[in-house]
Amino acid sequence: MADNKDNSDGDEIDLFRAEMRDAKPLQHDRLLHTKPKPKARVLEHAQSSERSNSSPFSDMFAPETVGNEEYLEYRGPGIQHRVFSKLRSGKMHIEAELDLHGLTLAMAEPTLSGFLEQCQQQQIRCVRVIHGKGWSSKDNKPVLKTKLNFWLRESEIVLAFCSAIVADGGTGAVYILLKRIYDQQDVPV
């Protein structure tokens, strides 16, 4: 009976190898989060000199500072209550995450915009961005959290966002629901 089990394991391995023979490894320049949750993809974004200097986020005015422990929430038009409720309760599958801890605003903005664009291109629907609470910044003000709250609200890619549940970072992280890309026939790609 042990021989039969060993033989079936070999068949499964052969089947797996046959299915994976055309797979190509992903290219990574920089890992942004080293401890992904199980079944979560971690995407990286390398800042490129080819990227234009124009920013998808506006710096025309300074947004009102949010509190370190303040809950962030935004629901764009057309987002169903059930979908937003699932996002708020942390029950949507997080497919990628980005950790902005320790980045300056100048570094965080292009990193965030590139990450969101990359996620949308890869048809990733729900992500988590860790921004921290700002306790170690000047005057203990959450500079990055405040800007992130503003940037996400003005992004055309973002449908909704809210602070994460405590287990996923609480008010130091946000879940973001991204818009799907459609092709010419208005069918999700």
N, C-alpha and C. Protein backbone atom coordinates (compact mmCIF):
# COMPACT_ATOMS: atom_id res chain seq x y z
N MET A 1 0.82 -1.19 0.00
CA MET A 1 0.00 0.00 0.00
C MET A 1 0.87 1.26 0.00
N ALA A 2 2.02 1.21 0.68
CA ALA A 2 2.93 2.34 0.69
C ALA A 2 3.45 2.63 -0.71
N ASP A 3 3.69 1.56 -1.52
CA ASP A 3 4.16 1.75 -2.89
C ASP A 3 3.11 2.50 -3.70
N ASN A 4 1.83 2.20 -3.49
CA ASN A 4 0.75 2.86 -4.22
C ASN A 4 0.70 4.35 -3.89
N LYS A 5 0.90 4.70 -2.60
CA LYS A 5 0.90 6.10 -2.19
C LYS A 5 2.09 6.83 -2.83
N ASP A 6 3.28 6.22 -2.81
CA ASP A 6 4.45 6.85 -3.41
C ASP A 6 4.24 7.07 -4.90
N ASN A 7 3.58 6.14 -5.57
CA ASN A 7 3.32 6.25 -6.99
C ASN A 7 2.36 7.39 -7.28
N SER A 8 1.30 7.55 -6.44
CA SER A 8 0.34 8.63 -6.67
C SER A 8 0.98 10.00 -6.41
N ASP A 9 1.91 10.07 -5.44
CA ASP A 9 2.62 11.32 -5.20
C ASP A 9 3.46 11.69 -6.41
N GLY A 10 4.09 10.71 -7.02
CA GLY A 10 4.89 10.94 -8.23
C GLY A 10 4.02 11.42 -9.38
N ASP A 11 2.81 10.86 -9.50
CA ASP A 11 1.88 11.29 -10.55
C ASP A 11 1.47 12.74 -10.35
N GLU A 12 1.21 13.12 -9.10
CA GLU A 12 0.82 14.50 -8.81
C GLU A 12 1.95 15.47 -9.11
N ILE A 13 3.16 15.09 -8.79
CA ILE A 13 4.32 15.94 -9.06
C ILE A 13 4.51 16.09 -10.57
N ASP A 14 4.39 14.98 -11.30
CA ASP A 14 4.50 15.04 -12.76
C ASP A 14 3.41 15.91 -13.37
N LEU A 15 2.20 15.80 -12.86
CA LEU A 15 1.08 16.62 -13.33
C LEU A 15 1.34 18.09 -13.05
N PHE A 16 1.81 18.39 -11.86
CA PHE A 16 2.13 19.78 -11.49
C PHE A 16 3.20 20.35 -12.42
N ARG A 17 4.27 19.60 -12.63
CA ARG A 17 5.34 20.07 -13.52
C ARG A 17 4.84 20.28 -14.94
N ALA A 18 3.97 19.40 -15.41
CA ALA A 18 3.42 19.56 -16.75
C ALA A 18 2.59 20.83 -16.85
N GLU A 19 1.80 21.12 -15.82
CA GLU A 19 0.96 22.31 -15.82
C GLU A 19 1.78 23.60 -15.71
N MET A 20 2.91 23.53 -15.07
CA MET A 20 3.71 24.73 -14.80
C MET A 20 4.83 24.95 -15.82
N ARG A 21 4.96 24.11 -16.80
CA ARG A 21 6.11 24.20 -17.71
C ARG A 21 6.19 25.52 -18.47
N ASP A 22 5.05 26.17 -18.75
CA ASP A 22 5.06 27.44 -19.48
C ASP A 22 5.09 28.65 -18.56
N ALA A 23 5.11 28.44 -17.26
CA ALA A 23 5.09 29.56 -16.31
C ALA A 23 6.43 30.30 -16.35
N LYS A 24 6.34 31.62 -16.22
CA LYS A 24 7.55 32.45 -16.21
C LYS A 24 7.62 33.16 -14.87
N PRO A 25 8.80 33.21 -14.25
CA PRO A 25 8.92 33.89 -12.95
C PRO A 25 8.70 35.39 -13.09
N LEU A 26 8.13 36.01 -12.04
CA LEU A 26 7.94 37.45 -12.01
C LEU A 26 9.28 38.13 -11.78
N GLN A 27 9.46 39.30 -12.35
CA GLN A 27 10.68 40.07 -12.15
C GLN A 27 10.45 41.05 -11.01
N HIS A 28 11.32 41.05 -10.03
CA HIS A 28 11.20 41.94 -8.88
C HIS A 28 12.46 42.78 -8.74
N ASP A 29 12.29 44.12 -8.64
CA ASP A 29 13.42 45.00 -8.38
C ASP A 29 13.57 45.28 -6.89
N ARG A 30 12.42 45.38 -6.20
CA ARG A 30 12.47 45.75 -4.79
C ARG A 30 11.22 45.21 -4.12
N LEU A 31 11.40 44.56 -3.01
CA LEU A 31 10.29 44.03 -2.24
C LEU A 31 9.86 45.08 -1.24
N LEU A 32 8.56 45.44 -1.25
CA LEU A 32 8.09 46.49 -0.37
C LEU A 32 7.58 45.98 0.96
N HIS A 33 7.30 44.72 1.07
CA HIS A 33 6.83 44.19 2.35
C HIS A 33 7.36 42.77 2.46
N THR A 34 8.03 42.49 3.53
CA THR A 34 8.72 41.21 3.63
C THR A 34 7.90 40.12 4.30
N LYS A 35 6.76 40.47 4.93
CA LYS A 35 5.97 39.46 5.61
C LYS A 35 4.53 39.48 5.10
N PRO A 36 4.29 38.92 3.88
CA PRO A 36 2.93 38.95 3.37
C PRO A 36 2.02 38.00 4.14
N LYS A 37 0.74 38.34 4.19
CA LYS A 37 -0.24 37.44 4.76
C LYS A 37 -0.36 36.24 3.83
N PRO A 38 -0.79 35.10 4.34
CA PRO A 38 -0.97 33.95 3.46
C PRO A 38 -1.91 34.30 2.31
N LYS A 39 -1.58 33.82 1.14
CA LYS A 39 -2.34 34.01 -0.09
C LYS A 39 -2.39 35.46 -0.54
N ALA A 40 -1.53 36.31 -0.02
CA ALA A 40 -1.49 37.70 -0.47
C ALA A 40 -0.28 37.87 -1.37
N ARG A 41 -0.48 38.55 -2.49
CA ARG A 41 0.64 38.86 -3.37
C ARG A 41 1.22 40.18 -2.93
N VAL A 42 2.52 40.26 -2.91
CA VAL A 42 3.19 41.50 -2.57
C VAL A 42 3.79 42.04 -3.85
N LEU A 43 3.41 43.26 -4.21
CA LEU A 43 3.93 43.88 -5.41
C LEU A 43 5.00 44.87 -5.03
N GLU A 44 5.92 45.10 -5.91
CA GLU A 44 6.92 46.11 -5.66
C GLU A 44 6.85 47.13 -6.77
N HIS A 45 7.36 48.29 -6.47
CA HIS A 45 7.41 49.35 -7.47
C HIS A 45 8.77 49.99 -7.38
N ALA A 46 9.55 49.87 -8.43
CA ALA A 46 10.85 50.52 -8.46
C ALA A 46 10.65 51.90 -9.08
N GLN A 47 11.15 52.91 -8.42
CA GLN A 47 11.03 54.25 -8.97
C GLN A 47 11.92 54.32 -10.19
N SER A 48 11.35 54.76 -11.30
CA SER A 48 12.05 54.74 -12.56
C SER A 48 12.31 56.15 -13.05
N SER A 49 13.46 56.37 -13.68
CA SER A 49 13.75 57.68 -14.25
C SER A 49 12.90 57.92 -15.48
N GLU A 50 12.34 56.84 -16.06
CA GLU A 50 11.47 56.98 -17.21
C GLU A 50 10.12 57.57 -16.83
N ARG A 51 9.75 57.45 -15.58
CA ARG A 51 8.47 57.96 -15.09
C ARG A 51 8.47 59.47 -15.18
N SER A 52 7.40 60.03 -15.69
CA SER A 52 7.33 61.48 -15.85
C SER A 52 7.29 62.16 -14.49
N ASN A 53 7.68 63.40 -14.46
CA ASN A 53 7.68 64.16 -13.22
C ASN A 53 6.29 64.60 -12.82
N SER A 54 5.32 64.49 -13.72
CA SER A 54 3.97 64.90 -13.38
C SER A 54 3.36 63.87 -12.44
N SER A 55 2.67 64.37 -11.44
CA SER A 55 2.11 63.52 -10.41
C SER A 55 0.61 63.36 -10.62
N PRO A 56 0.08 62.15 -10.40
CA PRO A 56 -1.36 61.99 -10.51
C PRO A 56 -2.07 62.60 -9.31
N PHE A 57 -1.32 62.96 -8.27
CA PHE A 57 -1.89 63.55 -7.07
C PHE A 57 -1.56 65.03 -7.02
N SER A 58 -2.48 65.82 -6.58
CA SER A 58 -2.32 67.27 -6.53
C SER A 58 -1.75 67.72 -5.20
N ASP A 59 -0.91 68.74 -5.24
CA ASP A 59 -0.41 69.38 -4.03
C ASP A 59 -0.86 70.84 -3.99
N MET A 60 -1.99 71.13 -4.62
CA MET A 60 -2.48 72.50 -4.72
C MET A 60 -2.84 73.10 -3.36
N PHE A 61 -3.29 72.30 -2.43
CA PHE A 61 -3.57 72.82 -1.11
C PHE A 61 -3.24 71.76 -0.08
N ALA A 62 -3.00 72.21 1.13
CA ALA A 62 -2.66 71.29 2.22
C ALA A 62 -3.94 70.76 2.85
N PRO A 63 -4.13 69.46 2.85
CA PRO A 63 -5.34 68.91 3.47
C PRO A 63 -5.32 69.08 4.98
N GLU A 64 -6.49 69.07 5.57
CA GLU A 64 -6.60 69.18 7.02
C GLU A 64 -5.98 67.92 7.65
N THR A 65 -5.17 68.13 8.67
CA THR A 65 -4.49 67.02 9.34
C THR A 65 -5.50 66.10 10.00
N VAL A 66 -5.31 64.81 9.80
CA VAL A 66 -6.15 63.82 10.48
C VAL A 66 -5.42 63.36 11.73
N GLY A 67 -6.16 62.83 12.67
CA GLY A 67 -5.56 62.37 13.92
C GLY A 67 -4.84 61.05 13.77
N ASN A 68 -3.89 60.80 14.69
CA ASN A 68 -3.11 59.57 14.67
C ASN A 68 -4.00 58.34 14.72
N GLU A 69 -5.03 58.38 15.53
CA GLU A 69 -5.93 57.24 15.71
C GLU A 69 -7.24 57.41 14.94
N GLU A 70 -7.34 58.45 14.11
CA GLU A 70 -8.58 58.72 13.37
C GLU A 70 -8.83 57.64 12.31
N TYR A 71 -10.08 57.22 12.23
CA TYR A 71 -10.51 56.22 11.25
C TYR A 71 -10.72 56.92 9.91
N LEU A 72 -10.11 56.40 8.85
CA LEU A 72 -10.27 56.96 7.51
C LEU A 72 -11.32 56.16 6.75
N GLU A 73 -12.13 56.86 5.98
CA GLU A 73 -13.18 56.18 5.22
C GLU A 73 -13.59 57.03 4.04
N TYR A 74 -13.70 56.39 2.88
CA TYR A 74 -14.19 57.06 1.67
C TYR A 74 -14.92 56.02 0.83
N ARG A 75 -16.10 56.37 0.37
CA ARG A 75 -16.88 55.49 -0.51
C ARG A 75 -17.32 56.30 -1.70
N GLY A 76 -16.76 55.97 -2.86
CA GLY A 76 -17.08 56.69 -4.09
C GLY A 76 -18.50 56.38 -4.55
N PRO A 77 -18.97 57.15 -5.51
CA PRO A 77 -20.32 56.94 -6.03
C PRO A 77 -20.46 55.56 -6.68
N GLY A 78 -21.60 54.93 -6.44
CA GLY A 78 -21.90 53.65 -7.07
C GLY A 78 -21.39 52.43 -6.32
N ILE A 79 -20.69 52.61 -5.23
CA ILE A 79 -20.18 51.46 -4.46
C ILE A 79 -21.32 50.94 -3.60
N GLN A 80 -21.65 49.68 -3.79
CA GLN A 80 -22.75 49.07 -3.05
C GLN A 80 -22.43 49.00 -1.56
N HIS A 81 -23.46 49.15 -0.75
CA HIS A 81 -23.31 49.10 0.71
C HIS A 81 -22.70 47.76 1.15
N ARG A 82 -23.14 46.68 0.54
CA ARG A 82 -22.65 45.34 0.90
C ARG A 82 -21.15 45.21 0.62
N VAL A 83 -20.71 45.74 -0.51
CA VAL A 83 -19.28 45.66 -0.88
C VAL A 83 -18.46 46.50 0.09
N PHE A 84 -18.94 47.72 0.40
CA PHE A 84 -18.20 48.59 1.30
C PHE A 84 -18.18 48.02 2.72
N SER A 85 -19.26 47.41 3.11
CA SER A 85 -19.34 46.79 4.43
C SER A 85 -18.33 45.65 4.54
N LYS A 86 -18.19 44.89 3.48
CA LYS A 86 -17.23 43.78 3.44
C LYS A 86 -15.79 44.32 3.51
N LEU A 87 -15.54 45.44 2.83
CA LEU A 87 -14.23 46.07 2.87
C LEU A 87 -13.92 46.55 4.29
N ARG A 88 -14.86 47.24 4.92
CA ARG A 88 -14.67 47.78 6.26
C ARG A 88 -14.44 46.69 7.31
N SER A 89 -15.06 45.56 7.13
CA SER A 89 -14.91 44.48 8.11
C SER A 89 -13.68 43.60 7.86
N GLY A 90 -12.91 43.94 6.82
CA GLY A 90 -11.69 43.18 6.53
C GLY A 90 -11.95 41.82 5.91
N LYS A 91 -13.12 41.66 5.31
CA LYS A 91 -13.48 40.36 4.75
C LYS A 91 -13.23 40.24 3.25
N MET A 92 -12.67 41.27 2.64
CA MET A 92 -12.30 41.17 1.23
C MET A 92 -10.88 40.60 1.15
N HIS A 93 -10.63 39.79 0.17
CA HIS A 93 -9.32 39.18 -0.01
C HIS A 93 -8.29 40.25 -0.41
N ILE A 94 -7.27 40.41 0.40
CA ILE A 94 -6.19 41.36 0.12
C ILE A 94 -5.22 40.67 -0.84
N GLU A 95 -5.08 41.25 -2.03
CA GLU A 95 -4.25 40.63 -3.06
C GLU A 95 -2.83 41.18 -3.12
N ALA A 96 -2.62 42.36 -2.56
CA ALA A 96 -1.28 42.96 -2.55
C ALA A 96 -1.22 43.99 -1.44
N GLU A 97 -0.01 44.31 -1.01
CA GLU A 97 0.13 45.34 0.01
C GLU A 97 1.40 46.14 -0.22
N LEU A 98 1.38 47.34 0.31
CA LEU A 98 2.50 48.26 0.19
C LEU A 98 2.76 48.87 1.57
N ASP A 99 4.00 48.88 1.99
CA ASP A 99 4.38 49.45 3.28
C ASP A 99 5.14 50.75 3.02
N LEU A 100 4.55 51.87 3.43
CA LEU A 100 5.15 53.18 3.22
C LEU A 100 5.90 53.69 4.44
N HIS A 101 6.01 52.87 5.50
CA HIS A 101 6.72 53.30 6.70
C HIS A 101 8.10 53.85 6.36
N GLY A 102 8.44 54.98 6.95
CA GLY A 102 9.78 55.53 6.81
C GLY A 102 10.03 56.30 5.53
N LEU A 103 9.07 56.36 4.62
CA LEU A 103 9.28 57.12 3.38
C LEU A 103 8.90 58.58 3.59
N THR A 104 9.60 59.46 2.92
CA THR A 104 9.23 60.86 2.92
C THR A 104 8.04 61.04 1.98
N LEU A 105 7.37 62.19 2.06
CA LEU A 105 6.26 62.45 1.15
C LEU A 105 6.73 62.40 -0.30
N ALA A 106 7.91 62.92 -0.56
CA ALA A 106 8.46 62.93 -1.92
C ALA A 106 8.69 61.52 -2.45
N MET A 107 9.02 60.60 -1.57
CA MET A 107 9.22 59.21 -1.98
C MET A 107 7.90 58.43 -1.99
N ALA A 108 7.02 58.73 -1.04
CA ALA A 108 5.78 57.98 -0.89
C ALA A 108 4.82 58.21 -2.05
N GLU A 109 4.73 59.43 -2.54
CA GLU A 109 3.75 59.75 -3.59
C GLU A 109 3.99 58.95 -4.87
N PRO A 110 5.20 58.97 -5.46
CA PRO A 110 5.38 58.17 -6.68
C PRO A 110 5.32 56.66 -6.42
N THR A 111 5.73 56.25 -5.22
CA THR A 111 5.66 54.83 -4.88
C THR A 111 4.21 54.38 -4.81
N LEU A 112 3.37 55.18 -4.15
CA LEU A 112 1.95 54.85 -4.05
C LEU A 112 1.27 54.87 -5.41
N SER A 113 1.48 55.90 -6.20
CA SER A 113 0.81 55.98 -7.49
C SER A 113 1.25 54.85 -8.42
N GLY A 114 2.54 54.52 -8.41
CA GLY A 114 3.02 53.41 -9.22
C GLY A 114 2.46 52.07 -8.76
N PHE A 115 2.38 51.90 -7.46
CA PHE A 115 1.81 50.67 -6.89
C PHE A 115 0.35 50.51 -7.31
N LEU A 116 -0.44 51.57 -7.18
CA LEU A 116 -1.85 51.50 -7.54
C LEU A 116 -2.04 51.22 -9.04
N GLU A 117 -1.24 51.88 -9.87
CA GLU A 117 -1.31 51.64 -11.31
C GLU A 117 -0.93 50.21 -11.65
N GLN A 118 0.13 49.70 -11.02
CA GLN A 118 0.57 48.34 -11.27
C GLN A 118 -0.51 47.34 -10.84
N CYS A 119 -1.11 47.59 -9.70
CA CYS A 119 -2.18 46.71 -9.22
C CYS A 119 -3.35 46.71 -10.20
N GLN A 120 -3.74 47.88 -10.67
CA GLN A 120 -4.86 47.96 -11.61
C GLN A 120 -4.52 47.23 -12.91
N GLN A 121 -3.31 47.39 -13.41
CA GLN A 121 -2.89 46.71 -14.63
C GLN A 121 -2.93 45.20 -14.47
N GLN A 122 -2.65 44.72 -13.25
CA GLN A 122 -2.65 43.28 -12.99
C GLN A 122 -4.01 42.78 -12.51
N GLN A 123 -5.04 43.61 -12.66
CA GLN A 123 -6.41 43.26 -12.28
C GLN A 123 -6.55 42.91 -10.80
N ILE A 124 -5.76 43.56 -9.97
CA ILE A 124 -5.87 43.38 -8.53
C ILE A 124 -6.96 44.31 -8.04
N ARG A 125 -7.86 43.80 -7.28
CA ARG A 125 -9.06 44.55 -6.88
C ARG A 125 -8.96 45.18 -5.49
N CYS A 126 -8.32 44.49 -4.54
CA CYS A 126 -8.27 44.98 -3.16
C CYS A 126 -6.85 44.90 -2.62
N VAL A 127 -6.36 46.02 -2.09
CA VAL A 127 -5.00 46.09 -1.56
C VAL A 127 -5.00 46.72 -0.17
N ARG A 128 -3.89 46.54 0.52
CA ARG A 128 -3.69 47.21 1.81
C ARG A 128 -2.43 48.06 1.70
N VAL A 129 -2.53 49.29 2.18
CA VAL A 129 -1.38 50.19 2.24
C VAL A 129 -1.15 50.54 3.70
N ILE A 130 0.05 50.28 4.17
CA ILE A 130 0.43 50.56 5.54
C ILE A 130 1.12 51.93 5.55
N HIS A 131 0.54 52.87 6.27
CA HIS A 131 1.08 54.23 6.30
C HIS A 131 1.60 54.63 7.67
N GLY A 132 1.25 53.89 8.70
CA GLY A 132 1.65 54.25 10.06
C GLY A 132 0.72 55.31 10.65
N LYS A 133 0.95 55.61 11.90
CA LYS A 133 0.09 56.57 12.60
C LYS A 133 0.76 57.91 12.83
N GLY A 134 2.03 58.02 12.48
CA GLY A 134 2.72 59.29 12.59
C GLY A 134 3.27 59.61 13.96
N TRP A 135 3.34 58.65 14.86
CA TRP A 135 3.83 58.92 16.21
C TRP A 135 5.30 59.32 16.22
N SER A 136 6.08 58.89 15.24
CA SER A 136 7.50 59.22 15.25
C SER A 136 7.83 60.40 14.34
N SER A 137 6.82 61.06 13.78
CA SER A 137 7.08 62.22 12.93
C SER A 137 7.14 63.49 13.79
N LYS A 138 7.51 64.58 13.17
CA LYS A 138 7.64 65.85 13.88
C LYS A 138 6.31 66.21 14.54
N ASP A 139 6.36 66.56 15.79
CA ASP A 139 5.18 66.94 16.58
C ASP A 139 4.14 65.82 16.67
N ASN A 140 4.54 64.59 16.41
CA ASN A 140 3.64 63.43 16.43
C ASN A 140 2.42 63.62 15.54
N LYS A 141 2.59 64.35 14.44
CA LYS A 141 1.49 64.58 13.49
C LYS A 141 1.60 63.56 12.36
N PRO A 142 0.49 62.92 11.98
CA PRO A 142 0.51 61.91 10.92
C PRO A 142 0.53 62.53 9.52
N VAL A 143 1.69 62.99 9.11
CA VAL A 143 1.85 63.68 7.83
C VAL A 143 1.50 62.74 6.66
N LEU A 144 2.07 61.57 6.65
CA LEU A 144 1.84 60.62 5.55
C LEU A 144 0.39 60.15 5.53
N LYS A 145 -0.18 59.87 6.69
CA LYS A 145 -1.57 59.43 6.78
C LYS A 145 -2.50 60.52 6.24
N THR A 146 -2.22 61.76 6.59
CA THR A 146 -3.04 62.89 6.11
C THR A 146 -2.97 63.00 4.60
N LYS A 147 -1.78 62.95 4.03
CA LYS A 147 -1.62 63.06 2.58
C LYS A 147 -2.26 61.86 1.87
N LEU A 148 -2.07 60.68 2.42
CA LEU A 148 -2.65 59.48 1.82
C LEU A 148 -4.17 59.60 1.75
N ASN A 149 -4.78 60.09 2.80
CA ASN A 149 -6.23 60.30 2.85
C ASN A 149 -6.65 61.23 1.71
N PHE A 150 -5.89 62.26 1.45
CA PHE A 150 -6.18 63.22 0.39
C PHE A 150 -5.90 62.61 -0.99
N TRP A 151 -4.74 61.99 -1.16
CA TRP A 151 -4.36 61.42 -2.45
C TRP A 151 -5.36 60.36 -2.92
N LEU A 152 -5.77 59.48 -2.02
CA LEU A 152 -6.67 58.39 -2.41
C LEU A 152 -8.03 58.93 -2.83
N ARG A 153 -8.50 59.98 -2.19
CA ARG A 153 -9.80 60.57 -2.53
C ARG A 153 -9.79 61.18 -3.93
N GLU A 154 -8.65 61.67 -4.38
CA GLU A 154 -8.61 62.30 -5.70
C GLU A 154 -8.17 61.34 -6.81
N SER A 155 -7.79 60.13 -6.48
CA SER A 155 -7.34 59.17 -7.48
C SER A 155 -8.51 58.60 -8.28
N GLU A 156 -8.33 58.54 -9.60
CA GLU A 156 -9.35 57.94 -10.47
C GLU A 156 -9.36 56.42 -10.37
N ILE A 157 -8.31 55.84 -9.85
CA ILE A 157 -8.18 54.39 -9.72
C ILE A 157 -8.93 53.87 -8.49
N VAL A 158 -9.05 54.69 -7.45
CA VAL A 158 -9.61 54.28 -6.17
C VAL A 158 -11.12 54.45 -6.15
N LEU A 159 -11.83 53.36 -5.87
CA LEU A 159 -13.29 53.39 -5.72
C LEU A 159 -13.70 53.66 -4.28
N ALA A 160 -12.96 53.09 -3.34
CA ALA A 160 -13.28 53.23 -1.92
C ALA A 160 -12.05 52.87 -1.11
N PHE A 161 -12.01 53.37 0.13
CA PHE A 161 -10.96 52.95 1.06
C PHE A 161 -11.46 53.17 2.48
N CYS A 162 -10.83 52.48 3.41
CA CYS A 162 -11.15 52.64 4.82
C CYS A 162 -9.99 52.11 5.65
N SER A 163 -9.93 52.56 6.90
CA SER A 163 -8.90 52.05 7.80
C SER A 163 -9.09 50.56 8.00
N ALA A 164 -7.99 49.88 8.21
CA ALA A 164 -7.99 48.42 8.35
C ALA A 164 -8.51 48.01 9.73
N ILE A 165 -8.85 46.74 9.86
CA ILE A 165 -9.19 46.20 11.17
C ILE A 165 -7.91 46.12 11.99
N VAL A 166 -8.04 46.02 13.30
CA VAL A 166 -6.88 46.04 14.20
C VAL A 166 -5.84 44.98 13.82
N ALA A 167 -6.27 43.78 13.46
CA ALA A 167 -5.34 42.70 13.12
C ALA A 167 -4.50 43.01 11.88
N ASP A 168 -4.98 43.91 11.02
CA ASP A 168 -4.28 44.27 9.79
C ASP A 168 -3.61 45.64 9.86
N GLY A 169 -3.51 46.23 11.04
CA GLY A 169 -2.84 47.52 11.18
C GLY A 169 -3.72 48.63 11.72
N GLY A 170 -5.00 48.39 11.86
CA GLY A 170 -5.91 49.38 12.41
C GLY A 170 -5.83 50.71 11.69
N THR A 171 -5.78 51.80 12.46
CA THR A 171 -5.76 53.12 11.86
C THR A 171 -4.39 53.51 11.31
N GLY A 172 -3.47 52.56 11.26
CA GLY A 172 -2.16 52.77 10.65
C GLY A 172 -2.06 52.15 9.27
N ALA A 173 -3.20 51.68 8.75
CA ALA A 173 -3.24 51.06 7.41
C ALA A 173 -4.62 51.26 6.81
N VAL A 174 -4.71 51.16 5.50
CA VAL A 174 -6.00 51.27 4.83
C VAL A 174 -6.18 50.13 3.84
N TYR A 175 -7.44 49.71 3.71
CA TYR A 175 -7.83 48.81 2.62
C TYR A 175 -8.28 49.71 1.48
N ILE A 176 -7.92 49.34 0.27
CA ILE A 176 -8.29 50.14 -0.90
C ILE A 176 -8.95 49.24 -1.93
N LEU A 177 -10.10 49.66 -2.42
CA LEU A 177 -10.82 48.95 -3.49
C LEU A 177 -10.52 49.68 -4.78
N LEU A 178 -9.97 48.97 -5.76
CA LEU A 178 -9.54 49.58 -7.02
C LEU A 178 -10.54 49.35 -8.15
N LYS A 179 -10.56 50.29 -9.05
CA LYS A 179 -11.42 50.23 -10.24
C LYS A 179 -10.85 49.18 -11.21
N ARG A 180 -11.73 48.48 -11.85
CA ARG A 180 -11.31 47.49 -12.86
C ARG A 180 -11.03 48.19 -14.17
N ILE A 181 -10.12 47.61 -14.95
CA ILE A 181 -9.82 48.12 -16.29
C ILE A 181 -10.74 47.39 -17.27
N TYR A 182 -11.31 48.14 -18.20
CA TYR A 182 -12.17 47.55 -19.21
C TYR A 182 -11.52 47.71 -20.58
N ASP A 183 -11.76 46.72 -21.45
CA ASP A 183 -11.23 46.83 -22.80
C ASP A 183 -12.26 47.53 -23.70
N GLN A 184 -12.04 47.51 -25.01
CA GLN A 184 -12.90 48.22 -25.94
C GLN A 184 -14.36 47.75 -25.92
N GLN A 185 -14.61 46.49 -25.59
CA GLN A 185 -15.98 45.98 -25.59
C GLN A 185 -16.64 46.14 -24.23
N ASP A 186 -16.05 46.94 -23.33
CA ASP A 186 -16.58 47.15 -21.99
C ASP A 186 -16.77 45.85 -21.21
N VAL A 187 -15.83 44.95 -21.39
CA VAL A 187 -15.81 43.69 -20.66
C VAL A 187 -14.59 43.72 -19.75
N PRO A 188 -14.74 43.34 -18.48
CA PRO A 188 -13.56 43.33 -17.61
C PRO A 188 -12.43 42.50 -18.21
N VAL A 189 -11.23 43.05 -18.17
CA VAL A 189 -10.08 42.35 -18.74
C VAL A 189 -9.58 41.34 -17.77
